[in-house]
Structure formats: structure tokens, C-alpha cells
């Protein structure tokens, strides 16, 4: 199909033109930096670039460019990888809802619905954190799926160092029971949602 091929070519061109894996595409700067400081910032930018492209970014980034080509936006979640580095996730636009807490502001509130089997839910959150319904399914029919929602939004007045006091809240909630199965936070918004 010509339309599909055109979208792929456009997504690839955007990816290679904005965040190429073969050349450094950003730098770090501080006003009034001395020569030694500038050298350190150059090295730090190179390490950051290596970490980005040493992760799963290149495949996820292409999928995001494909989404923005077709739908005019994408949702990219950025987190620390276990053991260091970065981990990127493209959130499916069909199951992701977002808004801004300020009129005309940047997107800072994101809800993402996803499904896990009872067995996966127990492995991810622990049986004691889940509702009786999911725990029962885990023992009787572990492949039964349940919908959960990740909610990421600004906490009013929060500015702490601990997960539940950080400025950006991150909650995982069972959709049917509304039970919070994980609550944590981020220092800054971990999801980029650019719009065309």
C-alpha cells in the first residue's frame, strides 16, 4: 500500500533527521562556563547520547514518529532501566488519554489503560497489593486478564524526595475496583506528548 509505505518513509526521515543514532544531536551548556566546564559538559552530553542510543530508544522512537505521522501526536514514557541507563515505552494512543492542567499549557496529565493477566499482575505488584478478585483469579485461572490504568499527573504542593511526595504522581489502579496497586512519583514529567 502506497500510504503505508509513505508513512514509514516519513517516520524514518523524521527519526534520522531529529535524533540520529550516528551523530550527537544535542549539547549541554551553562552560561559563563569556563573552558574546563565546557569540556566536561561536552563529555556529559556524549555519555547521555550513548545511554539513549544504548537503550531501546531507536526502535521505540521510530514507532513514535510513525504515530505522529499518522495521528499527529505520540506518548513516550521515559524511565530508568533496571541496572542503569534508560528505558523507553511508546504508549498506544488508542488507550492513552491526556490533558493539561493549565489552559493552553503543556500536557502534564496522562492516563494509560493496559491489560495484565492475573499471573502478570501478581508478578508485577505482589498478591497483597491486588484486589481479592485478582488474587482469586491468580489461584484459580491465572490467565484471566484485568484492565489497569497508569495515572501520571502533577501533585499540588508536593516537592519531596520520596516517591509519594514527588511533584509528579504516578499511580497504577485496577480499573474495575479502583484499587491503587502502586503509588510512586517523579521529579519531572516522564512522558512526552508532542502534538502537531
N, C-alpha and C. Protein backbone atom coordinates (compact mmCIF):
# COMPACT_ATOMS: atom_id res chain seq x y z
N UNK A 1 0.84 -1.19 0.00
CA UNK A 1 0.00 0.00 0.00
C UNK A 1 0.88 1.25 0.00
N UNK A 2 0.59 2.18 -0.87
CA UNK A 2 1.39 3.39 -1.04
C UNK A 2 1.33 4.27 0.21
N UNK A 3 0.15 4.42 0.82
CA UNK A 3 0.01 5.25 2.01
C UNK A 3 0.84 4.74 3.17
N UNK A 4 0.83 3.42 3.37
CA UNK A 4 1.60 2.81 4.46
C UNK A 4 3.09 3.03 4.24
N UNK A 5 3.54 2.80 3.02
CA UNK A 5 4.96 2.98 2.70
C UNK A 5 5.37 4.44 2.85
N UNK A 6 4.52 5.35 2.45
CA UNK A 6 4.82 6.78 2.59
C UNK A 6 4.94 7.16 4.07
N UNK A 7 4.06 6.63 4.90
CA UNK A 7 4.12 6.92 6.34
C UNK A 7 5.40 6.39 6.95
N UNK A 8 5.82 5.21 6.54
CA UNK A 8 7.07 4.63 7.06
C UNK A 8 8.28 5.46 6.63
N UNK A 9 8.29 5.86 5.37
CA UNK A 9 9.41 6.67 4.87
C UNK A 9 9.46 8.01 5.61
N UNK A 10 8.29 8.62 5.81
CA UNK A 10 8.24 9.90 6.54
C UNK A 10 8.72 9.73 7.97
N UNK A 11 8.27 8.67 8.65
CA UNK A 11 8.68 8.41 10.03
C UNK A 11 10.20 8.19 10.11
N UNK A 12 10.74 7.44 9.17
CA UNK A 12 12.18 7.19 9.15
C UNK A 12 12.97 8.47 8.91
N UNK A 13 12.46 9.33 8.01
CA UNK A 13 13.13 10.60 7.74
C UNK A 13 13.10 11.50 8.97
N UNK A 14 11.99 11.53 9.68
CA UNK A 14 11.90 12.35 10.90
C UNK A 14 12.85 11.82 11.97
N UNK A 15 12.92 10.51 12.10
CA UNK A 15 13.79 9.89 13.11
C UNK A 15 15.25 10.20 12.80
N UNK A 16 15.66 9.99 11.55
CA UNK A 16 17.07 10.23 11.22
C UNK A 16 17.40 11.72 11.18
N UNK A 17 16.41 12.56 10.95
CA UNK A 17 16.65 14.00 10.91
C UNK A 17 16.64 14.66 12.28
N UNK A 18 15.96 14.06 13.25
CA UNK A 18 15.85 14.71 14.56
C UNK A 18 16.71 14.06 15.64
N UNK A 19 16.77 12.74 15.67
CA UNK A 19 17.55 12.05 16.71
C UNK A 19 18.35 10.90 16.10
N UNK A 20 19.30 11.21 15.20
CA UNK A 20 20.06 10.15 14.53
C UNK A 20 20.94 9.37 15.51
N UNK A 21 21.06 8.07 15.26
CA UNK A 21 21.89 7.22 16.12
C UNK A 21 23.37 7.34 15.79
N UNK A 22 23.71 7.96 14.66
CA UNK A 22 25.11 8.00 14.24
C UNK A 22 25.80 9.35 14.48
N UNK A 23 25.09 10.32 15.06
CA UNK A 23 25.75 11.59 15.38
C UNK A 23 25.07 12.25 16.57
N UNK A 24 25.89 12.96 17.34
CA UNK A 24 25.39 13.65 18.54
C UNK A 24 24.42 14.75 18.12
N UNK A 25 23.19 14.70 18.63
CA UNK A 25 22.14 15.62 18.19
C UNK A 25 21.73 16.63 19.26
N UNK A 26 22.48 16.73 20.33
CA UNK A 26 22.21 17.75 21.34
C UNK A 26 23.49 18.07 22.09
N UNK A 27 23.49 19.15 22.81
CA UNK A 27 24.62 19.53 23.63
C UNK A 27 24.14 20.09 24.96
N UNK A 28 25.06 20.28 25.87
CA UNK A 28 24.75 20.85 27.18
C UNK A 28 25.53 22.15 27.32
N UNK A 29 24.91 23.14 27.95
CA UNK A 29 25.55 24.45 28.08
C UNK A 29 25.13 25.09 29.39
N UNK A 30 26.03 25.85 29.95
CA UNK A 30 25.77 26.65 31.14
C UNK A 30 26.33 28.03 30.88
N UNK A 31 25.59 29.06 31.22
CA UNK A 31 26.10 30.41 30.97
C UNK A 31 27.36 30.67 31.80
N UNK A 32 28.25 31.43 31.21
CA UNK A 32 29.53 31.81 31.84
C UNK A 32 30.43 30.61 32.16
N UNK A 33 30.29 29.52 31.40
CA UNK A 33 31.13 28.33 31.64
C UNK A 33 32.55 28.59 31.17
N UNK A 34 33.50 28.11 31.96
CA UNK A 34 34.90 28.22 31.59
C UNK A 34 35.25 27.06 30.65
N UNK A 35 36.42 27.09 30.05
CA UNK A 35 36.83 26.07 29.08
C UNK A 35 36.77 24.66 29.67
N UNK A 36 37.24 24.50 30.89
CA UNK A 36 37.21 23.17 31.53
C UNK A 36 35.77 22.71 31.75
N UNK A 37 34.90 23.65 32.11
CA UNK A 37 33.48 23.33 32.30
C UNK A 37 32.84 22.92 30.98
N UNK A 38 33.17 23.64 29.91
CA UNK A 38 32.61 23.32 28.59
C UNK A 38 33.04 21.92 28.14
N UNK A 39 34.30 21.58 28.41
CA UNK A 39 34.80 20.24 28.05
C UNK A 39 34.03 19.17 28.82
N UNK A 40 33.81 19.42 30.11
CA UNK A 40 33.06 18.46 30.92
C UNK A 40 31.63 18.32 30.39
N UNK A 41 30.99 19.42 30.04
CA UNK A 41 29.63 19.38 29.51
C UNK A 41 29.57 18.63 28.18
N UNK A 42 30.59 18.80 27.33
CA UNK A 42 30.64 18.05 26.07
C UNK A 42 30.73 16.55 26.33
N UNK A 43 31.56 16.17 27.29
CA UNK A 43 31.70 14.75 27.64
C UNK A 43 30.40 14.20 28.24
N UNK A 44 29.75 14.99 29.08
CA UNK A 44 28.49 14.56 29.69
C UNK A 44 27.42 14.38 28.62
N UNK A 45 27.36 15.28 27.63
CA UNK A 45 26.38 15.14 26.54
C UNK A 45 26.64 13.88 25.74
N UNK A 46 27.90 13.57 25.50
CA UNK A 46 28.24 12.35 24.74
C UNK A 46 27.85 11.09 25.52
N UNK A 47 28.08 11.08 26.83
CA UNK A 47 27.68 9.94 27.66
C UNK A 47 26.17 9.78 27.65
N UNK A 48 25.46 10.90 27.77
CA UNK A 48 23.99 10.88 27.74
C UNK A 48 23.49 10.32 26.40
N UNK A 49 24.07 10.79 25.30
CA UNK A 49 23.71 10.33 23.96
C UNK A 49 23.96 8.83 23.82
N UNK A 50 25.11 8.35 24.33
CA UNK A 50 25.41 6.92 24.27
C UNK A 50 24.40 6.11 25.07
N UNK A 51 24.00 6.62 26.22
CA UNK A 51 22.99 5.92 27.04
C UNK A 51 21.64 5.86 26.34
N UNK A 52 21.25 6.94 25.69
CA UNK A 52 19.97 6.97 24.97
C UNK A 52 19.99 5.93 23.85
N UNK A 53 21.04 5.94 23.04
CA UNK A 53 21.07 5.04 21.90
C UNK A 53 21.54 3.63 22.28
N UNK A 54 22.02 3.45 23.50
CA UNK A 54 22.34 2.12 24.01
C UNK A 54 21.12 1.44 24.61
N UNK A 55 20.02 2.16 24.69
CA UNK A 55 18.77 1.61 25.23
C UNK A 55 17.89 1.15 24.07
N UNK A 56 16.62 1.02 24.36
CA UNK A 56 15.64 0.62 23.32
C UNK A 56 15.08 1.83 22.57
N UNK A 57 15.72 3.00 22.70
CA UNK A 57 15.17 4.22 22.12
C UNK A 57 14.97 4.16 20.61
N UNK A 58 15.93 3.62 19.87
CA UNK A 58 15.85 3.69 18.41
C UNK A 58 14.62 2.99 17.85
N UNK A 59 14.25 1.84 18.41
CA UNK A 59 13.04 1.16 17.90
C UNK A 59 11.78 1.86 18.40
N UNK A 60 11.75 2.27 19.64
CA UNK A 60 10.58 2.95 20.20
C UNK A 60 10.41 4.33 19.56
N UNK A 61 11.52 5.03 19.34
CA UNK A 61 11.47 6.35 18.71
C UNK A 61 10.87 6.29 17.32
N UNK A 62 11.23 5.25 16.55
CA UNK A 62 10.65 5.11 15.21
C UNK A 62 9.14 4.91 15.31
N UNK A 63 8.69 4.07 16.23
CA UNK A 63 7.24 3.85 16.40
C UNK A 63 6.53 5.15 16.77
N UNK A 64 7.18 5.98 17.58
CA UNK A 64 6.59 7.28 17.95
C UNK A 64 6.49 8.19 16.73
N UNK A 65 7.53 8.19 15.90
CA UNK A 65 7.49 9.01 14.68
C UNK A 65 6.40 8.52 13.73
N UNK A 66 6.16 7.22 13.73
CA UNK A 66 5.08 6.65 12.91
C UNK A 66 3.73 7.14 13.43
N UNK A 67 3.57 7.14 14.77
CA UNK A 67 2.33 7.64 15.38
C UNK A 67 2.09 9.11 15.04
N UNK A 68 3.15 9.93 15.14
CA UNK A 68 2.96 11.36 14.89
C UNK A 68 2.70 11.62 13.42
N UNK A 69 3.24 10.77 12.54
CA UNK A 69 2.97 10.91 11.11
C UNK A 69 1.49 10.66 10.82
N UNK A 70 0.94 9.64 11.46
CA UNK A 70 -0.45 9.26 11.19
C UNK A 70 -1.44 10.05 12.06
N UNK A 71 -1.17 10.12 13.36
CA UNK A 71 -2.13 10.71 14.30
C UNK A 71 -1.81 12.11 14.77
N UNK A 72 -0.63 12.62 14.44
CA UNK A 72 -0.28 13.98 14.83
C UNK A 72 0.24 14.11 16.25
N UNK A 73 0.44 12.99 16.94
CA UNK A 73 0.97 13.03 18.30
C UNK A 73 1.44 11.64 18.70
N UNK A 74 2.20 11.58 19.77
CA UNK A 74 2.58 10.30 20.36
C UNK A 74 2.76 10.48 21.85
N UNK A 75 2.86 9.37 22.57
CA UNK A 75 3.11 9.40 24.01
C UNK A 75 4.33 8.52 24.28
N UNK A 76 5.42 9.13 24.76
CA UNK A 76 6.67 8.42 25.03
C UNK A 76 7.00 8.53 26.51
N UNK A 77 7.02 7.38 27.18
CA UNK A 77 7.33 7.29 28.60
C UNK A 77 8.82 6.98 28.73
N UNK A 78 9.52 7.73 29.58
CA UNK A 78 10.96 7.56 29.79
C UNK A 78 11.19 7.24 31.26
N UNK A 79 11.93 6.16 31.51
CA UNK A 79 12.21 5.76 32.89
C UNK A 79 13.63 5.22 32.96
N UNK A 80 14.08 4.96 34.17
CA UNK A 80 15.37 4.32 34.37
C UNK A 80 15.22 2.83 34.10
N UNK A 81 16.22 2.26 33.44
CA UNK A 81 16.22 0.81 33.21
C UNK A 81 16.79 0.12 34.45
N UNK A 82 16.32 -1.09 34.74
CA UNK A 82 16.94 -1.83 35.84
C UNK A 82 18.43 -2.03 35.54
N UNK A 83 19.28 -1.70 36.48
CA UNK A 83 20.71 -1.84 36.26
C UNK A 83 21.36 -0.60 35.66
N UNK A 84 20.59 0.45 35.42
CA UNK A 84 21.14 1.70 34.90
C UNK A 84 20.77 1.96 33.46
N UNK A 85 20.93 3.19 33.05
CA UNK A 85 20.55 3.59 31.70
C UNK A 85 19.09 3.98 31.63
N UNK A 86 18.55 3.94 30.42
CA UNK A 86 17.18 4.37 30.18
C UNK A 86 16.32 3.23 29.65
N UNK A 87 15.02 3.40 29.86
CA UNK A 87 14.02 2.52 29.27
C UNK A 87 12.92 3.40 28.71
N UNK A 88 12.57 3.18 27.44
CA UNK A 88 11.54 3.97 26.77
C UNK A 88 10.34 3.08 26.44
N UNK A 89 9.14 3.64 26.59
CA UNK A 89 7.91 2.94 26.21
C UNK A 89 7.05 3.87 25.38
N UNK A 90 6.58 3.37 24.25
CA UNK A 90 5.58 4.09 23.47
C UNK A 90 4.23 3.63 23.99
N UNK A 91 3.40 4.57 24.43
CA UNK A 91 2.08 4.21 24.91
C UNK A 91 1.09 4.34 23.76
N UNK A 92 0.32 3.30 23.57
CA UNK A 92 -0.66 3.21 22.49
C UNK A 92 -1.66 4.37 22.60
N UNK A 93 -1.78 5.15 21.53
CA UNK A 93 -2.68 6.31 21.57
C UNK A 93 -4.14 5.93 21.76
N UNK A 94 -4.53 4.73 21.30
CA UNK A 94 -5.93 4.31 21.44
C UNK A 94 -6.31 4.11 22.90
N UNK A 95 -5.32 3.85 23.77
CA UNK A 95 -5.59 3.59 25.19
C UNK A 95 -4.98 4.65 26.10
N UNK A 96 -4.59 5.79 25.55
CA UNK A 96 -3.93 6.82 26.33
C UNK A 96 -4.72 8.12 26.22
N UNK A 97 -4.98 8.73 27.35
CA UNK A 97 -5.76 9.95 27.42
C UNK A 97 -4.91 10.99 28.11
N UNK A 98 -4.89 12.22 27.59
CA UNK A 98 -4.02 13.22 28.19
C UNK A 98 -4.65 14.60 28.11
N UNK A 99 -4.16 15.45 29.01
CA UNK A 99 -4.65 16.83 29.05
C UNK A 99 -3.62 17.70 29.75
N UNK A 100 -3.93 18.96 29.82
CA UNK A 100 -3.09 19.92 30.51
C UNK A 100 -3.85 20.47 31.71
N UNK A 101 -3.17 20.65 32.82
CA UNK A 101 -3.84 21.20 34.00
C UNK A 101 -4.00 22.72 33.88
N UNK A 102 -3.34 23.33 32.88
CA UNK A 102 -3.47 24.77 32.63
C UNK A 102 -3.94 24.96 31.20
N UNK A 103 -4.89 25.83 30.99
CA UNK A 103 -5.40 26.08 29.64
C UNK A 103 -4.27 26.47 28.71
N UNK A 104 -4.14 25.75 27.60
CA UNK A 104 -3.09 26.03 26.62
C UNK A 104 -1.70 25.62 27.04
N UNK A 105 -1.58 24.94 28.17
CA UNK A 105 -0.27 24.53 28.68
C UNK A 105 0.21 23.22 28.09
N UNK A 106 1.40 22.82 28.49
CA UNK A 106 1.93 21.54 28.03
C UNK A 106 1.15 20.41 28.70
N UNK A 107 1.14 19.27 28.06
CA UNK A 107 0.44 18.12 28.62
C UNK A 107 1.17 17.65 29.87
N UNK A 108 0.45 17.59 30.98
CA UNK A 108 1.05 17.15 32.24
C UNK A 108 0.17 16.15 32.98
N UNK A 109 -0.88 15.68 32.34
CA UNK A 109 -1.77 14.68 32.94
C UNK A 109 -2.02 13.59 31.89
N UNK A 110 -1.62 12.36 32.22
CA UNK A 110 -1.72 11.26 31.26
C UNK A 110 -2.29 10.03 31.95
N UNK A 111 -3.28 9.41 31.31
CA UNK A 111 -3.85 8.15 31.77
C UNK A 111 -3.66 7.13 30.67
N UNK A 112 -3.14 5.95 31.04
CA UNK A 112 -2.88 4.89 30.07
C UNK A 112 -3.50 3.59 30.58
N UNK A 113 -4.43 3.05 29.79
CA UNK A 113 -5.08 1.79 30.16
C UNK A 113 -4.33 0.63 29.51
N UNK A 114 -4.12 -0.44 30.28
CA UNK A 114 -3.43 -1.62 29.77
C UNK A 114 -3.97 -2.86 30.47
N UNK A 115 -3.71 -4.03 29.91
CA UNK A 115 -4.22 -5.28 30.47
C UNK A 115 -3.07 -6.17 30.91
N UNK A 116 -3.28 -6.86 32.02
CA UNK A 116 -2.35 -7.88 32.51
C UNK A 116 -3.15 -9.10 32.90
N UNK A 117 -2.55 -10.27 32.74
CA UNK A 117 -3.17 -11.47 33.30
C UNK A 117 -3.01 -11.42 34.81
N UNK A 118 -3.79 -12.22 35.52
CA UNK A 118 -3.68 -12.26 36.98
C UNK A 118 -2.26 -12.65 37.39
N UNK A 119 -1.68 -13.59 36.65
CA UNK A 119 -0.32 -14.03 36.95
C UNK A 119 0.69 -12.89 36.75
N UNK A 120 0.53 -12.14 35.67
CA UNK A 120 1.42 -11.00 35.42
C UNK A 120 1.23 -9.91 36.48
N UNK A 121 -0.02 -9.68 36.87
CA UNK A 121 -0.30 -8.65 37.88
C UNK A 121 0.36 -9.00 39.21
N UNK A 122 0.28 -10.27 39.61
CA UNK A 122 0.91 -10.70 40.86
C UNK A 122 2.43 -10.56 40.76
N UNK A 123 3.00 -10.92 39.61
CA UNK A 123 4.45 -10.80 39.43
C UNK A 123 4.88 -9.33 39.48
N UNK A 124 4.05 -8.44 38.95
CA UNK A 124 4.40 -7.01 38.89
C UNK A 124 4.17 -6.29 40.22
N UNK A 125 3.04 -6.57 40.88
CA UNK A 125 2.65 -5.77 42.05
C UNK A 125 2.68 -6.53 43.37
N UNK A 126 2.65 -7.84 43.33
CA UNK A 126 2.55 -8.63 44.55
C UNK A 126 1.10 -8.90 44.89
N UNK A 127 0.82 -10.11 45.31
CA UNK A 127 -0.57 -10.53 45.57
C UNK A 127 -1.24 -9.67 46.63
N UNK A 128 -0.49 -9.24 47.64
CA UNK A 128 -1.08 -8.46 48.74
C UNK A 128 -1.53 -7.06 48.31
N UNK A 129 -1.04 -6.57 47.17
CA UNK A 129 -1.43 -5.24 46.70
C UNK A 129 -2.68 -5.26 45.83
N UNK A 130 -3.09 -6.43 45.38
CA UNK A 130 -4.19 -6.54 44.43
C UNK A 130 -5.51 -6.83 45.13
N UNK A 131 -6.61 -6.60 44.43
CA UNK A 131 -7.94 -6.88 44.98
C UNK A 131 -8.14 -8.38 45.15
N UNK A 132 -9.14 -8.74 45.94
CA UNK A 132 -9.47 -10.16 46.15
C UNK A 132 -9.81 -10.83 44.83
N UNK A 133 -10.48 -10.11 43.95
CA UNK A 133 -10.89 -10.64 42.65
C UNK A 133 -9.68 -11.11 41.83
N UNK A 134 -8.65 -10.27 41.77
CA UNK A 134 -7.45 -10.63 41.01
C UNK A 134 -6.68 -11.74 41.72
N UNK A 135 -6.58 -11.66 43.03
CA UNK A 135 -5.87 -12.70 43.79
C UNK A 135 -6.55 -14.06 43.64
N UNK A 136 -7.87 -14.06 43.64
CA UNK A 136 -8.60 -15.31 43.45
C UNK A 136 -8.36 -15.87 42.05
N UNK A 137 -8.40 -15.01 41.06
CA UNK A 137 -8.14 -15.45 39.68
C UNK A 137 -6.71 -15.99 39.55
N UNK A 138 -5.77 -15.40 40.25
CA UNK A 138 -4.38 -15.86 40.21
C UNK A 138 -4.28 -17.33 40.62
N UNK A 139 -5.06 -17.73 41.63
CA UNK A 139 -5.01 -19.12 42.13
C UNK A 139 -5.87 -20.06 41.29
N UNK A 140 -6.96 -19.56 40.72
CA UNK A 140 -7.88 -20.44 40.01
C UNK A 140 -7.73 -20.39 38.49
N UNK A 141 -7.57 -19.21 37.92
CA UNK A 141 -7.43 -19.04 36.46
C UNK A 141 -6.40 -17.93 36.20
N UNK A 142 -5.11 -18.26 36.32
CA UNK A 142 -4.08 -17.22 36.26
C UNK A 142 -3.98 -16.48 34.93
N UNK A 143 -4.58 -17.02 33.87
CA UNK A 143 -4.51 -16.33 32.57
C UNK A 143 -5.67 -15.35 32.36
N UNK A 144 -6.55 -15.19 33.34
CA UNK A 144 -7.63 -14.21 33.26
C UNK A 144 -7.02 -12.81 33.22
N UNK A 145 -7.48 -11.99 32.27
CA UNK A 145 -6.90 -10.64 32.16
C UNK A 145 -7.73 -9.60 32.89
N UNK A 146 -7.04 -8.58 33.36
CA UNK A 146 -7.66 -7.47 34.07
C UNK A 146 -7.10 -6.17 33.52
N UNK A 147 -7.94 -5.16 33.44
CA UNK A 147 -7.51 -3.85 32.96
C UNK A 147 -7.03 -3.00 34.13
N UNK A 148 -5.91 -2.34 33.89
CA UNK A 148 -5.34 -1.40 34.86
C UNK A 148 -5.15 -0.06 34.18
N UNK A 149 -4.97 0.98 34.99
CA UNK A 149 -4.74 2.32 34.46
C UNK A 149 -3.52 2.91 35.16
N UNK A 150 -2.60 3.45 34.37
CA UNK A 150 -1.48 4.23 34.91
C UNK A 150 -1.91 5.69 34.85
N UNK A 151 -1.86 6.37 35.95
CA UNK A 151 -2.22 7.78 36.01
C UNK A 151 -0.98 8.57 36.41
N UNK A 152 -0.58 9.52 35.58
CA UNK A 152 0.58 10.36 35.85
C UNK A 152 0.10 11.81 35.78
N UNK A 153 0.28 12.55 36.88
CA UNK A 153 -0.29 13.90 36.96
C UNK A 153 0.46 14.71 38.02
N UNK A 154 0.34 16.06 37.98
CA UNK A 154 1.03 16.89 38.98
C UNK A 154 0.37 16.77 40.35
N UNK A 155 1.20 16.68 41.38
CA UNK A 155 0.70 16.72 42.75
C UNK A 155 0.73 18.16 43.21
N UNK A 156 -0.33 18.62 43.76
CA UNK A 156 -0.38 20.02 44.23
C UNK A 156 0.43 20.16 45.51
N UNK A 157 1.35 21.11 45.49
CA UNK A 157 2.12 21.43 46.69
C UNK A 157 3.18 20.42 47.06
N UNK A 158 3.38 19.38 46.27
CA UNK A 158 4.38 18.36 46.61
C UNK A 158 5.74 18.76 46.06
N UNK A 159 6.76 18.54 46.86
CA UNK A 159 8.12 18.82 46.41
C UNK A 159 9.10 18.01 47.24
N UNK A 160 8.75 16.75 47.51
CA UNK A 160 9.59 15.93 48.37
C UNK A 160 10.54 15.05 47.60
N UNK A 161 11.36 14.33 48.36
CA UNK A 161 12.33 13.42 47.77
C UNK A 161 11.80 12.00 47.68
N UNK A 162 10.81 11.66 48.48
CA UNK A 162 10.29 10.31 48.49
C UNK A 162 9.18 10.16 47.45
N UNK A 163 8.98 8.94 46.97
CA UNK A 163 8.10 8.67 45.83
C UNK A 163 6.71 9.27 45.99
N UNK A 164 6.13 9.19 47.17
CA UNK A 164 4.75 9.68 47.35
C UNK A 164 4.68 11.19 47.59
N UNK A 165 5.83 11.87 47.64
CA UNK A 165 5.87 13.32 47.83
C UNK A 165 6.43 14.06 46.63
N UNK A 166 6.80 13.34 45.58
CA UNK A 166 7.41 13.98 44.42
C UNK A 166 6.38 14.82 43.67
N UNK A 167 6.84 15.82 42.91
CA UNK A 167 5.91 16.74 42.24
C UNK A 167 4.99 16.09 41.21
N UNK A 168 5.42 14.97 40.62
CA UNK A 168 4.58 14.27 39.65
C UNK A 168 4.19 12.92 40.24
N UNK A 169 2.89 12.70 40.39
CA UNK A 169 2.37 11.43 40.93
C UNK A 169 2.30 10.38 39.83
N UNK A 170 2.50 9.14 40.21
CA UNK A 170 2.36 8.01 39.29
C UNK A 170 1.64 6.90 40.05
N UNK A 171 0.41 6.62 39.63
CA UNK A 171 -0.40 5.61 40.31
C UNK A 171 -0.84 4.55 39.31
N UNK A 172 -0.78 3.29 39.73
CA UNK A 172 -1.33 2.18 38.96
C UNK A 172 -2.59 1.74 39.69
N UNK A 173 -3.70 1.67 38.96
CA UNK A 173 -5.01 1.43 39.57
C UNK A 173 -5.72 0.31 38.83
N UNK A 174 -6.35 -0.61 39.58
CA UNK A 174 -7.23 -1.60 38.95
C UNK A 174 -8.45 -0.85 38.44
N UNK A 175 -8.77 -1.02 37.17
CA UNK A 175 -9.85 -0.24 36.58
C UNK A 175 -11.21 -0.57 37.20
N UNK A 176 -11.53 -1.85 37.38
CA UNK A 176 -12.85 -2.23 37.89
C UNK A 176 -13.05 -1.89 39.36
N UNK A 177 -12.04 -2.15 40.18
CA UNK A 177 -12.20 -1.97 41.62
C UNK A 177 -11.74 -0.60 42.11
N UNK A 178 -11.02 0.15 41.26
CA UNK A 178 -10.45 1.46 41.61
C UNK A 178 -9.40 1.35 42.72
N UNK A 179 -8.87 0.15 42.94
CA UNK A 179 -7.85 -0.08 43.97
C UNK A 179 -6.49 0.36 43.45
N UNK A 180 -5.81 1.22 44.22
CA UNK A 180 -4.46 1.64 43.86
C UNK A 180 -3.51 0.49 44.23
N UNK A 181 -2.81 -0.02 43.23
CA UNK A 181 -1.91 -1.14 43.46
C UNK A 181 -0.44 -0.70 43.53
N UNK A 182 -0.16 0.51 43.06
CA UNK A 182 1.19 1.07 43.20
C UNK A 182 1.07 2.59 43.14
N UNK A 183 1.76 3.25 44.07
CA UNK A 183 1.82 4.71 44.04
C UNK A 183 3.27 5.13 44.20
N UNK A 184 3.73 5.94 43.27
CA UNK A 184 5.09 6.44 43.34
C UNK A 184 5.09 7.84 42.73
N UNK A 185 6.24 8.29 42.26
CA UNK A 185 6.28 9.62 41.69
C UNK A 185 7.57 9.89 40.95
N UNK A 186 7.61 11.07 40.34
CA UNK A 186 8.77 11.50 39.56
C UNK A 186 9.06 12.96 39.91
N UNK A 187 10.31 13.35 39.73
CA UNK A 187 10.69 14.74 39.94
C UNK A 187 10.19 15.64 38.82
N UNK A 188 10.07 15.07 37.62
CA UNK A 188 9.56 15.83 36.47
C UNK A 188 8.74 14.89 35.60
N UNK A 189 7.96 15.46 34.71
CA UNK A 189 7.06 14.67 33.86
C UNK A 189 7.84 13.65 33.04
N UNK A 190 7.55 12.34 33.19
CA UNK A 190 8.31 11.31 32.47
C UNK A 190 7.74 10.96 31.11
N UNK A 191 6.70 11.65 30.68
CA UNK A 191 6.04 11.32 29.43
C UNK A 191 6.04 12.54 28.52
N UNK A 192 6.54 12.35 27.32
CA UNK A 192 6.49 13.41 26.33
C UNK A 192 5.34 13.17 25.39
N UNK A 193 4.48 14.17 25.20
CA UNK A 193 3.34 14.05 24.29
C UNK A 193 3.35 15.26 23.36
N UNK A 194 4.22 15.22 22.34
CA UNK A 194 4.21 16.33 21.38
C UNK A 194 2.98 16.27 20.49
N UNK A 195 2.53 17.42 20.01
CA UNK A 195 1.33 17.47 19.18
C UNK A 195 1.59 18.27 17.92
N UNK A 196 1.00 17.82 16.83
CA UNK A 196 1.01 18.58 15.58
C UNK A 196 -0.33 19.20 15.38
